[in-house]
Amino acid sequence: MAFQNQVMFAKDSVYVHINVQDTKDKDAHIAGRVFLLNKPDGYFIEWKAEDVLNLETSNEEWDVINFKNDREGDSGMPE
């Protein structure tokens, strides 16, 4: 069995401070989650932005909707 990454610790609401030169808000804070991971090569710290986490955890399923237009004359068929 292959060694899988193991999350040893996780903490929400960890902000990264960045200094952006080309915006009005020179100091920006990005919210995210920090992880302590046990990987095959050792222990690592990883940080992910909340926006990325939301994309990863959304299991959005698509439904197929059958649409039938009941209005006369909208079918494209000559009457």
N, C-alpha and C. Protein backbone atom coordinates (compact mmCIF):
# COMPACT_ATOMS: atom_id res chain seq x y z
N MET A 1 0.84 -1.18 0.00
CA MET A 1 0.00 0.00 0.00
C MET A 1 0.88 1.25 0.00
N ALA A 2 0.57 2.18 -0.87
CA ALA A 2 1.37 3.41 -1.00
C ALA A 2 1.08 4.35 0.16
N PHE A 3 2.10 5.08 0.55
CA PHE A 3 1.96 6.06 1.62
C PHE A 3 1.17 7.25 1.10
N GLN A 4 0.16 7.65 1.84
CA GLN A 4 -0.65 8.80 1.45
C GLN A 4 -0.31 9.97 2.37
N ASN A 5 -0.55 11.17 1.84
CA ASN A 5 -0.34 12.36 2.66
C ASN A 5 -1.32 12.34 3.82
N GLN A 6 -0.82 12.65 5.00
CA GLN A 6 -1.66 12.64 6.19
C GLN A 6 -1.67 14.04 6.79
N VAL A 7 -2.86 14.56 7.05
CA VAL A 7 -3.00 15.87 7.67
C VAL A 7 -2.82 15.67 9.18
N MET A 8 -1.78 16.25 9.72
CA MET A 8 -1.49 16.13 11.15
C MET A 8 -2.19 17.24 11.95
N PHE A 9 -2.36 18.41 11.30
CA PHE A 9 -2.96 19.57 11.96
C PHE A 9 -3.51 20.49 10.89
N ALA A 10 -4.64 21.14 11.16
CA ALA A 10 -5.21 22.14 10.25
C ALA A 10 -5.79 23.28 11.08
N LYS A 11 -5.65 24.49 10.57
CA LYS A 11 -6.17 25.69 11.27
C LYS A 11 -6.80 26.61 10.24
N ASP A 12 -8.07 26.97 10.48
CA ASP A 12 -8.79 27.91 9.61
C ASP A 12 -8.45 29.35 9.98
N SER A 13 -8.84 30.26 9.12
CA SER A 13 -8.70 31.71 9.33
C SER A 13 -7.24 32.13 9.54
N VAL A 14 -6.37 31.60 8.71
CA VAL A 14 -4.96 32.01 8.71
C VAL A 14 -4.79 32.94 7.52
N TYR A 15 -4.38 34.17 7.78
CA TYR A 15 -4.29 35.19 6.75
C TYR A 15 -2.86 35.39 6.28
N VAL A 16 -2.72 35.53 4.97
CA VAL A 16 -1.43 35.86 4.38
C VAL A 16 -1.47 37.34 4.02
N HIS A 17 -0.44 38.05 4.42
CA HIS A 17 -0.34 39.48 4.14
C HIS A 17 0.52 39.68 2.91
N ILE A 18 -0.04 40.36 1.91
CA ILE A 18 0.74 40.64 0.71
C ILE A 18 0.78 42.14 0.49
N ASN A 19 1.82 42.59 -0.15
CA ASN A 19 1.98 44.00 -0.47
C ASN A 19 1.85 44.13 -1.98
N VAL A 20 0.77 44.77 -2.42
CA VAL A 20 0.48 44.90 -3.84
C VAL A 20 0.76 46.34 -4.25
N GLN A 21 1.62 46.52 -5.24
CA GLN A 21 2.05 47.85 -5.66
C GLN A 21 1.06 48.55 -6.59
N ASP A 22 0.29 47.78 -7.38
CA ASP A 22 -0.52 48.40 -8.42
C ASP A 22 -2.01 48.50 -8.09
N THR A 23 -2.36 48.52 -6.81
CA THR A 23 -3.76 48.68 -6.43
C THR A 23 -3.88 49.80 -5.41
N LYS A 24 -5.11 50.23 -5.19
CA LYS A 24 -5.35 51.27 -4.17
C LYS A 24 -5.07 50.74 -2.77
N ASP A 25 -5.44 49.48 -2.55
CA ASP A 25 -5.19 48.86 -1.25
C ASP A 25 -3.79 48.24 -1.28
N LYS A 26 -2.82 48.96 -0.77
CA LYS A 26 -1.42 48.51 -0.83
C LYS A 26 -1.19 47.25 0.01
N ASP A 27 -1.94 47.09 1.07
CA ASP A 27 -1.80 45.92 1.93
C ASP A 27 -3.05 45.07 1.81
N ALA A 28 -2.89 43.85 1.43
CA ALA A 28 -4.02 42.95 1.28
C ALA A 28 -3.82 41.72 2.16
N HIS A 29 -4.91 41.21 2.65
CA HIS A 29 -4.89 40.00 3.46
C HIS A 29 -5.76 38.96 2.77
N ILE A 30 -5.25 37.75 2.61
CA ILE A 30 -5.99 36.68 1.98
C ILE A 30 -6.22 35.59 3.01
N ALA A 31 -7.49 35.27 3.24
CA ALA A 31 -7.85 34.25 4.23
C ALA A 31 -7.64 32.86 3.66
N GLY A 32 -7.24 31.94 4.53
CA GLY A 32 -7.04 30.58 4.09
C GLY A 32 -6.91 29.63 5.26
N ARG A 33 -6.44 28.43 4.95
CA ARG A 33 -6.26 27.38 5.96
C ARG A 33 -4.83 26.87 5.85
N VAL A 34 -4.21 26.66 7.01
CA VAL A 34 -2.85 26.13 7.04
C VAL A 34 -2.91 24.67 7.49
N PHE A 35 -2.06 23.85 6.89
CA PHE A 35 -2.01 22.42 7.19
C PHE A 35 -0.59 22.02 7.56
N LEU A 36 -0.47 21.08 8.47
CA LEU A 36 0.79 20.38 8.72
C LEU A 36 0.59 18.98 8.15
N LEU A 37 1.37 18.65 7.12
CA LEU A 37 1.20 17.39 6.41
C LEU A 37 2.38 16.47 6.63
N ASN A 38 2.08 15.20 6.76
CA ASN A 38 3.11 14.16 6.82
C ASN A 38 3.11 13.51 5.44
N LYS A 39 4.17 13.77 4.66
CA LYS A 39 4.32 13.22 3.32
C LYS A 39 5.46 12.22 3.32
N PRO A 40 5.59 11.43 2.25
CA PRO A 40 6.69 10.44 2.21
C PRO A 40 8.07 11.05 2.41
N ASP A 41 8.25 12.33 2.01
CA ASP A 41 9.56 12.98 2.12
C ASP A 41 9.76 13.70 3.45
N GLY A 42 8.75 13.71 4.32
CA GLY A 42 8.87 14.38 5.61
C GLY A 42 7.63 15.20 5.92
N TYR A 43 7.78 16.14 6.85
CA TYR A 43 6.68 17.01 7.27
C TYR A 43 6.74 18.32 6.49
N PHE A 44 5.57 18.81 6.10
CA PHE A 44 5.48 20.04 5.32
C PHE A 44 4.35 20.91 5.84
N ILE A 45 4.51 22.22 5.69
CA ILE A 45 3.44 23.18 5.98
C ILE A 45 2.87 23.63 4.65
N GLU A 46 1.55 23.62 4.55
CA GLU A 46 0.88 24.03 3.32
C GLU A 46 -0.23 25.01 3.68
N TRP A 47 -0.40 26.03 2.87
CA TRP A 47 -1.46 27.01 3.05
C TRP A 47 -2.28 27.07 1.77
N LYS A 48 -3.61 27.08 1.92
CA LYS A 48 -4.51 27.19 0.77
C LYS A 48 -5.50 28.31 1.03
N ALA A 49 -5.72 29.13 0.01
CA ALA A 49 -6.69 30.22 0.12
C ALA A 49 -8.10 29.65 0.24
N GLU A 50 -8.98 30.37 0.95
CA GLU A 50 -10.36 29.93 1.12
C GLU A 50 -11.06 29.75 -0.22
N ASP A 51 -10.77 30.61 -1.19
CA ASP A 51 -11.39 30.48 -2.51
C ASP A 51 -11.03 29.15 -3.15
N VAL A 52 -9.80 28.72 -3.01
CA VAL A 52 -9.37 27.45 -3.58
C VAL A 52 -10.03 26.30 -2.83
N LEU A 53 -10.10 26.40 -1.51
CA LEU A 53 -10.74 25.35 -0.72
C LEU A 53 -12.21 25.20 -1.09
N ASN A 54 -12.88 26.34 -1.32
CA ASN A 54 -14.30 26.28 -1.69
C ASN A 54 -14.48 25.59 -3.03
N LEU A 55 -13.57 25.81 -3.96
CA LEU A 55 -13.65 25.14 -5.26
C LEU A 55 -13.39 23.65 -5.12
N GLU A 56 -12.44 23.28 -4.26
CA GLU A 56 -12.10 21.88 -4.09
C GLU A 56 -13.19 21.10 -3.39
N THR A 57 -13.90 21.74 -2.47
CA THR A 57 -14.89 21.02 -1.68
C THR A 57 -16.29 21.08 -2.27
N SER A 58 -16.51 21.91 -3.27
CA SER A 58 -17.85 21.96 -3.85
C SER A 58 -18.03 20.78 -4.78
N ASN A 59 -18.97 19.96 -4.44
CA ASN A 59 -19.31 18.81 -5.26
C ASN A 59 -20.58 19.14 -6.03
N GLU A 60 -20.45 20.12 -6.86
CA GLU A 60 -21.58 20.61 -7.60
C GLU A 60 -21.97 19.57 -8.65
N GLU A 61 -23.20 19.11 -8.57
CA GLU A 61 -23.68 18.16 -9.55
C GLU A 61 -24.60 18.87 -10.51
N TRP A 62 -24.50 18.48 -11.75
CA TRP A 62 -25.32 19.08 -12.79
C TRP A 62 -26.52 18.19 -13.05
N ASP A 63 -27.69 18.80 -13.15
CA ASP A 63 -28.90 18.07 -13.46
C ASP A 63 -29.29 18.37 -14.90
N VAL A 64 -29.80 17.35 -15.55
CA VAL A 64 -30.31 17.53 -16.91
C VAL A 64 -31.79 17.84 -16.77
N ILE A 65 -32.18 18.94 -17.36
CA ILE A 65 -33.57 19.36 -17.30
C ILE A 65 -34.15 19.25 -18.70
N ASN A 66 -35.21 18.50 -18.82
CA ASN A 66 -35.91 18.40 -20.10
C ASN A 66 -36.90 19.54 -20.17
N PHE A 67 -36.74 20.38 -21.17
CA PHE A 67 -37.58 21.55 -21.31
C PHE A 67 -38.47 21.37 -22.52
N LYS A 68 -39.75 21.56 -22.30
CA LYS A 68 -40.70 21.48 -23.40
C LYS A 68 -41.46 22.78 -23.44
N ASN A 69 -41.43 23.42 -24.57
CA ASN A 69 -42.12 24.69 -24.73
C ASN A 69 -43.55 24.39 -25.18
N ASP A 70 -44.52 24.71 -24.34
CA ASP A 70 -45.91 24.39 -24.63
C ASP A 70 -46.63 25.51 -25.39
N ARG A 71 -45.95 26.61 -25.63
CA ARG A 71 -46.60 27.71 -26.34
C ARG A 71 -46.71 27.39 -27.83
N GLU A 72 -47.82 27.72 -28.42
CA GLU A 72 -48.03 27.46 -29.85
C GLU A 72 -47.11 28.35 -30.69
N GLY A 73 -46.65 27.82 -31.80
CA GLY A 73 -45.85 28.60 -32.73
C GLY A 73 -44.38 28.69 -32.37
N ASP A 74 -43.96 28.20 -31.20
CA ASP A 74 -42.56 28.28 -30.80
C ASP A 74 -41.77 27.02 -31.16
N SER A 75 -42.42 26.03 -31.75
CA SER A 75 -41.73 24.76 -32.01
C SER A 75 -40.88 24.82 -33.25
N GLY A 76 -41.09 25.82 -34.10
CA GLY A 76 -40.33 25.91 -35.33
C GLY A 76 -40.92 25.08 -36.46
N MET A 77 -41.98 24.36 -36.18
CA MET A 77 -42.63 23.53 -37.17
C MET A 77 -43.77 24.32 -37.82
N PRO A 78 -43.97 24.23 -39.13
CA PRO A 78 -45.07 24.95 -39.77
C PRO A 78 -46.42 24.38 -39.32
N GLU A 79 -47.36 25.26 -39.16
CA GLU A 79 -48.69 24.83 -38.69
C GLU A 79 -49.56 24.39 -39.79
